[in-house]
Amino acid sequence: MAANPGDASVSIGDMINTSRDFRLKLLGDPHRPAYHFVTPEGYCGPFDPNGNVFWNGRHHMGYIYQDRGVHCWGHASSRDLLHWRHHKPSLFPTPDSPENGIFSGNGFVSKDGKEVVYLYHGCGAGNSIATSSDRDLDNWRKLPGNPIIPNPADTTLYRSWDPCGWVEGDTYYAIFGGQRPAIFKAKKLNKWTHVGDLFAHAIDGVDIHEDVSCPDFFKLGRKWVLVCISHRLGCRYYVGKWKNEQFHPEYHEMMTWADNEYFAPESHTDDKGRRILFTWVFDGRSGEAREPSGWSGTMGLPRVLELGADNRLIMTPAEELQALRYNELSFPNVAVSSRGEKRIGVDGNTIELEVKFKPTTAKEYGVKVCASPRGKEETVIAYNKAEGKLKIDARRSGLHQPKKSVEAAPMKLAARESLKLRIFVDKSIVEVFANDGRLVLSRRIYPERPDSVGVALFAKGGAAKASVRAWDMMPSNPY
């Protein structure tokens, strides 16, 4: 493992100058997000959030990064989910451990409450465990018997892959992910046994052996929720019951609808009882564009999860984000004519918008952000009444952006229902929370024109009226 304090042949002066030059380069990058959690440096792919846990008054987040080609877990902590202190790496391969890299897993507090447990996949070895009782979780001890379950030669019953552990009474349970997700359990962390298949039965439209990677399993209200990815389908979730050591799914829904850009979910419960979700949002740039920038790795905004009466997840932005707002502007009654567009007195690429459209007969209406004066570049957030879909159209988000697509998610409004949008624009990422968290869309954009900062409302096939509140957003990343 190359995570060492540095090359002794390099002077401290050279290191300081290099660090300063790199920091200034990142500060001048027009696409580096300002208030989303971003890798401090380098290419991170994958950049999965892992091991998230609330411990000793802080939110702790792990993330996969690559140190000289080796997968490791980085570590950051925060009091407010916005400003993060970077710690030394928490997990990396060492000469006395069996793995050659650290891959996905999760974190939870032990049965006795005295330590945090990281359950992770050790590349080339199998699922493994490390523990820490530090106040700041700076020092980790891997179990001497790792891996707790080696990679099996026969994967027909289970794979030792992408684990997610939790405590229930006096028993540790874990999901081992993959194409036949399984349940394991233990009374002691160093001795686990195979229980059987995760799913008690299939659910309509999803094969019982569909890939369950990056699993995140937790109780929410009276039900249990499994958030995960399929490398084929993308990010998704199930809601159901946990009984007799199996999951009985009752509902399934996708969380991404175009090209799996929203990926690798990981959540934790804080001291307020909130379930808070982070994900890696793919970069979407070509290697030729990404490599000169010196960074790649962005998390979505922290979402607070609640369960609706219809078994659907309600996802709202963490209230802490409001602390970043400043320079508020308000436009209480904006009228947009049929086939018209109304520019409002807001511009910027690190902003938040609250837009509420009154019920309308317009066939399609919405908001344009990061728009140049004549619309040559723009990102379009549109509700189409006939299709019953909310869309982010990124086909003109960047003139030479390699990934140009429309992400369209089902959301049928009732006849007299308003459309309410909270829109977060942060340089190269747009996130839209619709109708109090009923639907959320995330999309990467890379505008190239310096004047692509405008905001406009539009309508087609009928007039529309809306109220708008807007704020600049204070950067929370140090650079």
Protein backbone atom coordinates (compact mmCIF):
# COMPACT_ATOMS: atom_id res chain seq x y z
CA MET A 1 0.00 0.00 0.00
CA ALA A 2 1.38 3.39 -1.03
CA ALA A 3 -0.43 5.50 1.61
CA ASN A 4 2.79 6.82 3.12
CA PRO A 5 3.70 10.27 4.42
CA GLY A 6 5.54 11.13 1.22
CA ASP A 7 8.79 10.74 -0.64
CA ALA A 8 11.67 11.83 1.62
CA SER A 9 13.58 13.01 -1.46
CA VAL A 10 10.96 15.74 -2.05
CA SER A 11 11.55 18.87 0.02
CA ILE A 12 8.85 20.29 2.25
CA GLY A 13 9.02 23.50 0.25
CA ASP A 14 8.27 21.65 -2.98
CA MET A 15 5.37 19.86 -1.31
CA ILE A 16 3.91 23.17 -0.06
CA ASN A 17 4.24 24.81 -3.48
CA THR A 18 2.69 21.83 -5.24
CA SER A 19 -0.19 21.73 -2.76
CA ARG A 20 -0.83 25.46 -3.16
CA ASP A 21 -0.71 25.27 -6.96
CA PHE A 22 -3.12 22.34 -7.01
CA ARG A 23 -5.53 24.07 -4.62
CA LEU A 24 -5.58 27.15 -6.85
CA LYS A 25 -6.21 24.96 -9.88
CA LEU A 26 -9.22 23.35 -8.20
CA LEU A 27 -10.56 26.73 -7.07
CA GLY A 28 -10.51 27.91 -10.67
CA ASP A 29 -12.28 24.84 -12.08
CA PRO A 30 -15.68 25.96 -13.48
CA HIS A 31 -17.16 22.48 -13.06
CA ARG A 32 -15.99 21.45 -9.60
CA PRO A 33 -19.06 21.46 -7.28
CA ALA A 34 -18.98 23.97 -4.43
CA TYR A 35 -21.41 22.51 -1.87
CA HIS A 36 -21.66 18.83 -2.82
CA PHE A 37 -19.12 16.52 -1.15
CA VAL A 38 -16.26 16.10 -3.65
CA THR A 39 -13.07 14.06 -3.58
CA PRO A 40 -10.20 16.18 -2.26
CA GLU A 41 -8.04 15.18 -5.22
CA GLY A 42 -7.48 12.61 -7.95
CA TYR A 43 -9.70 10.23 -9.88
CA CYS A 44 -12.06 8.18 -7.72
CA GLY A 45 -13.81 5.45 -9.64
CA PRO A 46 -15.57 3.94 -7.90
CA PHE A 47 -16.33 6.66 -5.36
CA ASP A 48 -18.91 4.67 -3.40
CA PRO A 49 -19.86 6.07 0.02
CA ASN A 50 -19.13 3.32 2.55
CA GLY A 51 -19.17 2.84 6.30
CA ASN A 52 -21.38 5.84 7.03
CA VAL A 53 -22.21 6.05 10.73
CA PHE A 54 -23.08 8.58 13.42
CA TRP A 55 -20.55 8.29 16.26
CA ASN A 56 -19.60 10.52 19.20
CA GLY A 57 -21.56 13.51 17.88
CA ARG A 58 -20.34 13.37 14.28
CA HIS A 59 -21.46 12.07 10.94
CA HIS A 60 -18.67 9.86 9.56
CA MET A 61 -18.46 8.99 5.88
CA GLY A 62 -16.15 6.56 4.18
CA TYR A 63 -15.57 6.56 0.44
CA ILE A 64 -13.64 4.41 -1.99
CA TYR A 65 -10.69 6.07 -3.67
CA GLN A 66 -7.61 4.84 -5.49
CA ASP A 67 -4.10 5.40 -4.15
CA ARG A 68 -1.62 4.54 -6.92
CA GLY A 69 -4.13 2.08 -8.36
CA VAL A 70 -5.05 0.47 -5.01
CA HIS A 71 -8.63 0.65 -3.70
CA CYS A 72 -8.81 2.19 -0.19
CA TRP A 73 -11.39 3.76 2.09
CA GLY A 74 -11.05 7.47 2.68
CA HIS A 75 -12.64 8.98 5.78
CA ALA A 76 -14.29 12.32 6.51
CA SER A 77 -16.48 13.57 9.35
CA SER A 78 -18.93 16.42 9.81
CA ARG A 79 -21.25 18.01 12.33
CA ASP A 80 -23.63 19.47 9.73
CA LEU A 81 -23.44 17.18 6.65
CA LEU A 82 -21.97 20.10 4.70
CA HIS A 83 -18.50 20.93 6.04
CA TRP A 84 -16.23 17.90 6.22
CA ARG A 85 -12.94 17.26 8.00
CA HIS A 86 -10.74 14.78 6.16
CA HIS A 87 -9.08 12.12 8.30
CA LYS A 88 -6.30 9.74 7.42
CA PRO A 89 -7.49 6.72 5.38
CA SER A 90 -9.44 4.24 7.49
CA LEU A 91 -8.92 1.02 5.50
CA PHE A 92 -6.20 -0.04 3.09
CA PRO A 93 -4.37 -3.31 2.35
CA THR A 94 -1.31 -4.03 4.47
CA PRO A 95 1.35 -6.75 4.24
CA ASP A 96 -0.28 -8.68 7.11
CA SER A 97 -3.85 -8.60 5.72
CA PRO A 98 -5.16 -10.95 3.02
CA GLU A 99 -6.84 -8.43 0.69
CA ASN A 100 -5.22 -6.47 -2.14
CA GLY A 101 -7.80 -3.68 -2.01
CA ILE A 102 -10.82 -2.45 -0.05
CA PHE A 103 -14.21 -2.49 -1.72
CA SER A 104 -17.83 -1.83 -0.74
CA GLY A 105 -19.34 -2.39 2.71
CA ASN A 106 -21.04 -0.57 5.56
CA GLY A 107 -20.64 0.59 9.15
CA PHE A 108 -22.69 0.02 12.30
CA VAL A 109 -22.30 0.22 16.07
CA SER A 110 -21.51 -3.03 17.90
CA LYS A 111 -23.99 -4.83 20.18
CA ASP A 112 -22.46 -3.37 23.32
CA GLY A 113 -22.27 0.13 21.81
CA LYS A 114 -18.53 0.37 22.51
CA GLU A 115 -17.13 0.35 18.98
CA VAL A 116 -17.93 0.89 15.33
CA VAL A 117 -17.80 -2.11 13.01
CA TYR A 118 -16.78 -1.82 9.36
CA LEU A 119 -17.97 -4.80 7.32
CA TYR A 120 -16.28 -4.65 3.92
CA HIS A 121 -15.23 -6.67 0.89
CA GLY A 122 -11.52 -7.38 0.82
CA CYS A 123 -10.53 -7.64 -2.83
CA GLY A 124 -9.07 -11.05 -3.64
CA ALA A 125 -10.00 -12.45 -0.20
CA GLY A 126 -13.66 -12.10 0.80
CA ASN A 127 -15.85 -10.21 3.23
CA SER A 128 -13.95 -8.90 6.23
CA ILE A 129 -14.29 -6.80 9.39
CA ALA A 130 -12.42 -3.95 11.08
CA THR A 131 -13.35 -2.20 14.33
CA SER A 132 -12.58 1.10 16.05
CA SER A 133 -13.46 2.50 19.46
CA ASP A 134 -11.66 5.82 18.92
CA ARG A 135 -13.50 9.05 19.65
CA ASP A 136 -12.69 10.19 16.10
CA LEU A 137 -12.51 6.73 14.45
CA ASP A 138 -8.93 7.39 13.38
CA ASN A 139 -7.47 3.96 14.21
CA TRP A 140 -8.88 0.66 12.94
CA ARG A 141 -8.12 -2.93 13.86
CA LYS A 142 -8.78 -5.66 11.31
CA LEU A 143 -9.91 -9.00 12.70
CA PRO A 144 -6.99 -11.46 12.75
CA GLY A 145 -9.20 -14.11 11.16
CA ASN A 146 -10.16 -12.07 8.11
CA PRO A 147 -11.82 -12.79 5.80
CA ILE A 148 -14.79 -13.81 7.94
CA ILE A 149 -16.21 -15.55 4.84
CA PRO A 150 -13.69 -16.23 2.04
CA ASN A 151 -14.64 -15.94 -1.61
CA PRO A 152 -16.35 -19.29 -2.34
CA ALA A 153 -15.24 -21.47 -5.21
CA ASP A 154 -18.90 -22.26 -5.90
CA THR A 155 -21.08 -19.13 -6.12
CA THR A 156 -24.40 -20.89 -6.67
CA LEU A 157 -25.47 -20.39 -3.01
CA TYR A 158 -23.84 -17.04 -2.23
CA ARG A 159 -21.00 -14.70 -3.04
CA SER A 160 -18.71 -13.08 -0.50
CA TRP A 161 -19.46 -9.68 -1.97
CA ASP A 162 -20.78 -6.19 -1.03
CA PRO A 163 -21.84 -6.83 2.59
CA CYS A 164 -24.26 -4.83 4.73
CA GLY A 165 -24.42 -5.64 8.45
CA TRP A 166 -26.70 -4.65 11.32
CA VAL A 167 -27.56 -5.61 14.90
CA GLU A 168 -30.83 -7.21 15.95
CA GLY A 169 -31.07 -8.09 19.64
CA ASP A 170 -28.00 -10.15 20.49
CA THR A 171 -27.35 -11.20 16.88
CA TYR A 172 -25.36 -9.68 14.05
CA TYR A 173 -26.94 -10.08 10.62
CA ALA A 174 -25.53 -9.27 7.19
CA ILE A 175 -26.58 -9.28 3.57
CA PHE A 176 -23.93 -10.58 1.20
CA GLY A 177 -24.77 -9.07 -2.19
CA GLY A 178 -24.51 -10.20 -5.78
CA GLN A 179 -26.77 -12.17 -8.11
CA ARG A 180 -27.97 -14.52 -5.37
CA PRO A 181 -28.04 -12.25 -2.32
CA ALA A 182 -27.77 -14.15 0.93
CA ILE A 183 -28.18 -13.71 4.68
CA PHE A 184 -25.41 -14.48 7.18
CA LYS A 185 -25.52 -14.16 10.97
CA ALA A 186 -23.20 -14.28 13.97
CA LYS A 187 -23.16 -14.05 17.75
CA LYS A 188 -19.50 -12.99 17.60
CA LEU A 189 -17.95 -10.88 14.87
CA ASN A 190 -15.36 -13.51 13.97
CA LYS A 191 -17.75 -16.43 13.43
CA TRP A 192 -20.47 -16.15 10.77
CA THR A 193 -22.83 -18.76 9.33
CA HIS A 194 -24.85 -18.86 6.13
CA VAL A 195 -28.61 -18.60 6.81
CA GLY A 196 -30.02 -18.71 3.28
CA ASP A 197 -31.41 -16.52 0.54
CA LEU A 198 -32.19 -12.88 1.27
CA PHE A 199 -35.55 -12.86 -0.52
CA ALA A 200 -38.45 -15.01 0.66
CA HIS A 201 -40.12 -14.52 -2.72
CA ALA A 202 -39.87 -12.50 -5.91
CA ILE A 203 -41.76 -9.31 -6.66
CA ASP A 204 -43.52 -8.48 -9.93
CA GLY A 205 -41.18 -7.23 -12.61
CA VAL A 206 -37.91 -8.13 -10.84
CA ASP A 207 -36.15 -11.48 -10.97
CA ILE A 208 -35.49 -12.95 -7.52
CA HIS A 209 -31.82 -13.32 -8.45
CA GLU A 210 -31.42 -9.79 -9.84
CA ASP A 211 -28.08 -8.30 -8.85
CA VAL A 212 -28.18 -6.74 -5.36
CA SER A 213 -24.91 -4.83 -5.01
CA CYS A 214 -24.09 -2.00 -2.58
CA PRO A 215 -27.01 -3.15 -0.37
CA ASP A 216 -28.23 -0.89 2.41
CA PHE A 217 -30.87 -2.52 4.64
CA PHE A 218 -32.65 -0.76 7.50
CA LYS A 219 -35.93 -0.39 9.36
CA LEU A 220 -38.00 2.68 8.51
CA GLY A 221 -41.22 3.08 10.45
CA ARG A 222 -42.93 -0.30 10.56
CA LYS A 223 -41.31 -1.62 7.38
CA TRP A 224 -37.83 -2.54 6.20
CA VAL A 225 -36.16 -0.89 3.24
CA LEU A 226 -33.47 -2.32 0.96
CA VAL A 227 -31.71 0.31 -1.16
CA CYS A 228 -29.20 -1.13 -3.62
CA ILE A 229 -27.95 -1.15 -7.17
CA SER A 230 -28.15 -3.60 -9.97
CA HIS A 231 -25.25 -3.16 -12.36
CA ARG A 232 -27.81 -3.82 -15.09
CA LEU A 233 -30.78 -1.76 -13.86
CA GLY A 234 -29.18 0.93 -11.70
CA CYS A 235 -30.12 2.35 -8.28
CA ARG A 236 -33.40 1.09 -6.80
CA TYR A 237 -35.17 0.17 -3.58
CA TYR A 238 -37.51 -2.42 -2.08
CA VAL A 239 -39.93 -2.00 0.84
CA GLY A 240 -41.25 -4.97 2.79
CA LYS A 241 -41.05 -7.02 5.96
CA TRP A 242 -38.14 -8.75 7.69
CA LYS A 243 -39.31 -11.94 9.35
CA ASN A 244 -38.00 -15.46 9.92
CA GLU A 245 -34.55 -14.25 8.83
CA GLN A 246 -35.70 -13.35 5.32
CA PHE A 247 -36.87 -10.24 3.52
CA HIS A 248 -40.43 -10.31 2.18
CA PRO A 249 -40.58 -7.51 -0.44
CA GLU A 250 -43.88 -5.73 -1.09
CA TYR A 251 -42.82 -2.84 -3.31
CA HIS A 252 -40.01 -2.02 -5.72
CA GLU A 253 -39.11 1.22 -7.48
CA MET A 254 -36.24 2.61 -9.49
CA MET A 255 -34.24 5.65 -8.38
CA THR A 256 -32.62 6.41 -11.76
CA TRP A 257 -34.23 6.30 -15.19
CA ALA A 258 -31.63 6.95 -17.90
CA ASP A 259 -28.07 5.67 -17.57
CA ASN A 260 -27.52 4.79 -13.89
CA GLU A 261 -25.73 8.07 -13.16
CA TYR A 262 -27.06 8.03 -9.56
CA PHE A 263 -25.28 5.06 -7.97
CA ALA A 264 -24.01 3.16 -4.90
CA PRO A 265 -26.40 4.20 -2.09
CA GLU A 266 -25.33 4.30 1.57
CA SER A 267 -27.33 5.62 4.53
CA HIS A 268 -27.07 5.98 8.28
CA THR A 269 -29.26 7.07 11.20
CA ASP A 270 -28.24 10.19 13.13
CA ASP A 271 -28.90 11.31 16.70
CA LYS A 272 -32.20 12.89 15.60
CA GLY A 273 -33.48 9.58 14.28
CA ARG A 274 -33.21 10.68 10.65
CA ARG A 275 -32.19 8.18 7.97
CA ILE A 276 -29.74 10.07 5.72
CA LEU A 277 -28.74 8.82 2.27
CA PHE A 278 -25.65 9.60 0.20
CA THR A 279 -24.73 8.26 -3.24
CA TRP A 280 -21.98 8.56 -5.79
CA VAL A 281 -23.16 10.54 -8.84
CA PHE A 282 -21.16 9.53 -11.91
CA ASP A 283 -18.90 12.11 -13.48
CA GLY A 284 -20.09 11.66 -17.04
CA ARG A 285 -17.03 13.24 -18.64
CA SER A 286 -14.65 11.66 -21.08
CA GLY A 287 -11.19 10.73 -19.84
CA GLU A 288 -9.72 13.45 -22.06
CA ALA A 289 -11.79 16.07 -20.22
CA ARG A 290 -11.50 14.55 -16.76
CA GLU A 291 -7.79 13.81 -16.40
CA PRO A 292 -6.46 17.37 -16.86
CA SER A 293 -8.88 18.59 -14.17
CA GLY A 294 -7.16 16.52 -11.46
CA TRP A 295 -10.36 15.29 -9.78
CA SER A 296 -13.38 13.05 -10.28
CA GLY A 297 -15.77 11.98 -7.53
CA THR A 298 -18.99 13.67 -6.39
CA MET A 299 -21.64 12.66 -3.85
CA GLY A 300 -25.30 13.57 -4.21
CA LEU A 301 -26.80 15.88 -1.62
CA PRO A 302 -27.77 14.27 1.69
CA ARG A 303 -31.37 13.04 1.44
CA VAL A 304 -33.57 12.38 4.46
CA LEU A 305 -35.67 9.25 3.93
CA GLU A 306 -39.22 8.73 5.14
CA LEU A 307 -41.80 6.13 4.17
CA GLY A 308 -45.08 7.20 2.63
CA ALA A 309 -48.41 5.51 3.27
CA ASP A 310 -48.15 3.91 -0.19
CA ASN A 311 -44.81 2.23 0.67
CA ARG A 312 -42.86 4.70 -1.47
CA LEU A 313 -39.75 6.47 -0.21
CA ILE A 314 -40.13 10.20 0.41
CA MET A 315 -36.73 11.85 -0.08
CA THR A 316 -36.12 15.45 0.99
CA PRO A 317 -32.88 17.48 1.17
CA ALA A 318 -31.37 17.65 4.64
CA GLU A 319 -32.53 20.82 6.41
CA GLU A 320 -28.90 21.78 7.09
CA LEU A 321 -28.61 22.90 3.46
CA GLN A 322 -30.70 25.97 4.27
CA ALA A 323 -27.74 27.34 6.24
CA LEU A 324 -25.89 27.86 2.94
CA ARG A 325 -28.55 30.21 1.53
CA TYR A 326 -27.90 33.94 1.10
CA ASN A 327 -28.99 36.82 -1.16
CA GLU A 328 -32.62 35.73 -1.28
CA LEU A 329 -34.78 36.92 -4.18
CA SER A 330 -38.56 36.46 -4.45
CA PHE A 331 -40.87 36.59 -7.48
CA PRO A 332 -44.41 35.89 -6.20
CA ASN A 333 -46.44 35.80 -9.43
CA VAL A 334 -44.57 35.07 -12.66
CA ALA A 335 -46.81 34.70 -15.73
CA VAL A 336 -45.62 32.68 -18.73
CA SER A 337 -47.58 32.77 -21.99
CA SER A 338 -48.32 29.72 -24.11
CA ARG A 339 -45.23 28.73 -26.10
CA GLY A 340 -43.41 31.38 -24.11
CA GLU A 341 -40.34 31.76 -21.93
CA LYS A 342 -39.92 34.19 -19.06
CA ARG A 343 -36.46 35.11 -17.84
CA ILE A 344 -36.40 36.06 -14.20
CA GLY A 345 -33.85 38.19 -12.41
CA VAL A 346 -31.79 35.26 -11.17
CA ASP A 347 -28.50 33.96 -12.45
CA GLY A 348 -25.72 31.77 -11.17
CA ASN A 349 -24.41 28.24 -11.14
CA THR A 350 -24.32 27.69 -7.37
CA ILE A 351 -27.93 28.41 -6.48
CA GLU A 352 -31.09 26.95 -5.00
CA LEU A 353 -34.56 27.59 -6.44
CA GLU A 354 -38.00 26.96 -5.00
CA VAL A 355 -40.57 27.08 -7.82
CA LYS A 356 -44.29 26.43 -7.40
CA PHE A 357 -46.43 26.24 -10.53
CA LYS A 358 -50.15 26.72 -10.09
CA PRO A 359 -52.39 24.07 -11.69
CA THR A 360 -52.38 24.76 -15.42
CA THR A 361 -53.70 23.49 -18.74
CA ALA A 362 -50.22 23.77 -20.30
CA LYS A 363 -49.07 20.54 -21.93
CA GLU A 364 -45.47 21.02 -20.80
CA TYR A 365 -43.92 23.54 -18.44
CA GLY A 366 -40.94 23.96 -16.17
CA VAL A 367 -37.64 25.70 -15.51
CA LYS A 368 -34.47 26.26 -17.48
CA VAL A 369 -31.19 26.65 -15.59
CA CYS A 370 -27.59 27.28 -16.63
CA ALA A 371 -29.00 28.91 -19.75
CA SER A 372 -27.01 31.16 -22.07
CA PRO A 373 -28.76 34.35 -23.32
CA ARG A 374 -30.17 32.78 -26.51
CA GLY A 375 -30.52 29.28 -25.13
CA LYS A 376 -27.68 27.71 -27.08
CA GLU A 377 -26.68 26.08 -23.79
CA GLU A 378 -29.35 25.21 -21.22
CA THR A 379 -30.55 22.46 -18.90
CA VAL A 380 -34.32 21.98 -19.05
CA ILE A 381 -36.43 20.70 -16.15
CA ALA A 382 -39.85 19.93 -17.60
CA TYR A 383 -43.14 18.35 -16.57
CA ASN A 384 -45.04 16.72 -19.46
CA LYS A 385 -48.72 16.31 -18.62
CA ALA A 386 -49.60 13.75 -21.32
CA GLU A 387 -46.65 11.52 -20.46
CA GLY A 388 -47.03 12.02 -16.71
CA LYS A 389 -43.28 12.46 -16.40
CA LEU A 390 -40.79 14.90 -14.91
CA LYS A 391 -37.64 15.29 -16.99
CA ILE A 392 -34.16 16.75 -16.93
CA ASP A 393 -33.11 17.39 -20.52
CA ALA A 394 -29.32 17.69 -20.67
CA ARG A 395 -28.96 17.53 -24.45
CA ARG A 396 -27.85 21.18 -24.59
CA SER A 397 -26.23 21.34 -21.16
CA GLY A 398 -22.74 21.48 -22.67
CA LEU A 399 -21.77 22.07 -26.25
CA HIS A 400 -19.30 19.18 -26.38
CA GLN A 401 -20.56 17.07 -23.49
CA PRO A 402 -20.12 13.40 -24.47
CA LYS A 403 -23.12 12.14 -22.45
CA LYS A 404 -26.21 14.00 -23.62
CA SER A 405 -29.51 12.54 -22.54
CA VAL A 406 -32.99 13.08 -21.14
CA GLU A 407 -33.81 11.51 -17.80
CA ALA A 408 -37.58 11.09 -17.48
CA ALA A 409 -39.27 9.68 -14.38
CA PRO A 410 -42.93 8.86 -13.86
CA MET A 411 -44.85 11.41 -11.77
CA LYS A 412 -48.55 11.82 -12.55
CA LEU A 413 -50.03 15.01 -11.09
CA ALA A 414 -53.69 15.09 -10.11
CA ALA A 415 -56.04 17.39 -12.06
CA ARG A 416 -55.72 20.35 -9.68
CA GLU A 417 -52.31 19.54 -8.22
CA SER A 418 -49.50 22.09 -8.21
CA LEU A 419 -45.97 21.28 -9.33
CA LYS A 420 -43.47 22.16 -6.59
CA LEU A 421 -39.75 22.01 -7.38
CA ARG A 422 -36.65 22.49 -5.21
CA ILE A 423 -33.78 22.80 -7.65
CA PHE A 424 -30.13 22.72 -6.58
CA VAL A 425 -27.57 23.85 -9.17
CA ASP A 426 -23.92 23.32 -8.27
CA LYS A 427 -21.55 23.94 -11.18
CA SER A 428 -21.73 20.49 -12.87
CA ILE A 429 -24.63 18.85 -11.04
CA VAL A 430 -28.36 19.57 -10.93
CA GLU A 431 -30.67 17.90 -8.40
CA VAL A 432 -34.45 18.33 -8.46
CA PHE A 433 -36.75 17.43 -5.54
CA ALA A 434 -40.37 17.43 -6.71
CA ASN A 435 -43.57 17.77 -4.68
CA ASP A 436 -42.10 17.44 -1.20
CA GLY A 437 -39.77 14.57 -2.04
CA ARG A 438 -42.19 12.45 -4.05
CA LEU A 439 -39.58 12.23 -6.80
CA VAL A 440 -35.91 13.20 -7.06
CA LEU A 441 -33.75 13.49 -10.17
CA SER A 442 -29.98 14.07 -10.35
CA ARG A 443 -28.01 14.91 -13.48
CA ARG A 444 -24.44 15.94 -14.35
CA ILE A 445 -23.98 18.90 -16.71
CA TYR A 446 -20.87 20.66 -18.03
CA PRO A 447 -21.71 24.11 -19.46
CA GLU A 448 -18.84 25.62 -21.41
CA ARG A 449 -20.01 29.19 -21.94
CA PRO A 450 -19.29 31.63 -19.08
CA ASP A 451 -22.71 33.25 -19.67
CA SER A 452 -24.63 29.97 -19.16
CA VAL A 453 -25.98 31.13 -15.80
CA GLY A 454 -29.53 32.27 -16.61
CA VAL A 455 -32.82 31.00 -15.15
CA ALA A 456 -36.15 31.04 -17.03
CA LEU A 457 -39.65 29.63 -16.73
CA PHE A 458 -41.37 28.24 -19.82
CA ALA A 459 -44.68 26.78 -20.95
CA LYS A 460 -45.96 25.00 -24.05
CA GLY A 461 -49.57 24.37 -25.10
CA GLY A 462 -51.02 26.71 -22.50
CA ALA A 463 -50.10 29.52 -20.15
CA ALA A 464 -48.62 29.01 -16.69
CA LYS A 465 -48.13 30.95 -13.47
CA ALA A 466 -45.55 30.33 -10.77
CA SER A 467 -43.96 31.76 -7.66
CA VAL A 468 -40.17 31.65 -7.31
CA ARG A 469 -37.73 32.01 -4.42
CA ALA A 470 -34.01 31.91 -5.15
CA TRP A 471 -30.79 31.94 -3.18
CA ASP A 472 -27.09 31.96 -3.84
CA MET A 473 -25.47 29.01 -2.07
CA MET A 474 -22.32 29.43 0.00
CA PRO A 475 -19.61 26.94 -0.97
CA SER A 476 -18.98 24.41 1.78
CA ASN A 477 -15.98 22.72 0.17
CA PRO A 478 -12.68 24.39 1.12
CA TYR A 479 -11.61 24.36 -2.55
